[in-house]
Amino acid sequence: MPQRRYVLILIFFLALSLAAGLYTGGQRYLRETKHRQVEVAMLYEDIKTLAELTGKKPVQVMQLFKQNGLTTVFLKEATLDERKANAEILEIDSSTPFITAEFAFLTAQGLQLIIEQEGPYAPWLRELAAVSPYNTGVYFITRREDTLLQLAGQLKAKTKVAQTFFLKDGYLAVYTPASFATLRGMGLGFSQTALQE
């Protein structure tokens, strides 16, 4: 008799568990069908490319896609090599009198070679060589203070050292002891234009 009672109790708990599981599964299904949403995402670089091809601004292209269901835009942190390939960053040499890109870079060895050469070069390069005692590493040069602060923050976070220099003619520099080979594949932060759009 007691054995039969245990069997009945086990069958009862099994049936109760099955009923609770079915109820929970049904409630989950109902809630998921009411709140189902598909995220449609696109890379910012693709939007920028489409904008260039159509002659529109990236914001206009994003608005057009938003009207058609785009919910998310991804920003990819461009590496030094990618920015160089896209002409967003310039490598400085002895024939660089001024910077036309958002920022430029120069290795410490490259700076020494330019200074040792006979011939004309930009005065701010001489000043940078005079105030900077480094034989290795990379300098990033810009004329925009917001770009300098962004680069200094990124380099300090990723390489632990970032020293800034304020040069003549409105040029600003940030130095990191990391080699160019190390920095090539490293992200240098997001484009301010992309973040604003």
Foldseek 3Di string as FASTA:
>chain_A
DVVVVVVVVVVVVVVVVVVVVVVVVVVVVVVCVVPPDDAAEEELVVLCVVCVVVVHHSVVSVVVVVVVHHDYYDYDQDAPQRCVVVVQEAEDAQPDQDDDHQKYKYWLCRLVVSVPDPDDGHPQSVVCPVVDPDNGWMKMKHLDPVLVVLQQVQCCVPQVDWDKDQTPPRMIMITGRDHPVVRRGPGRDTDPVSVVD
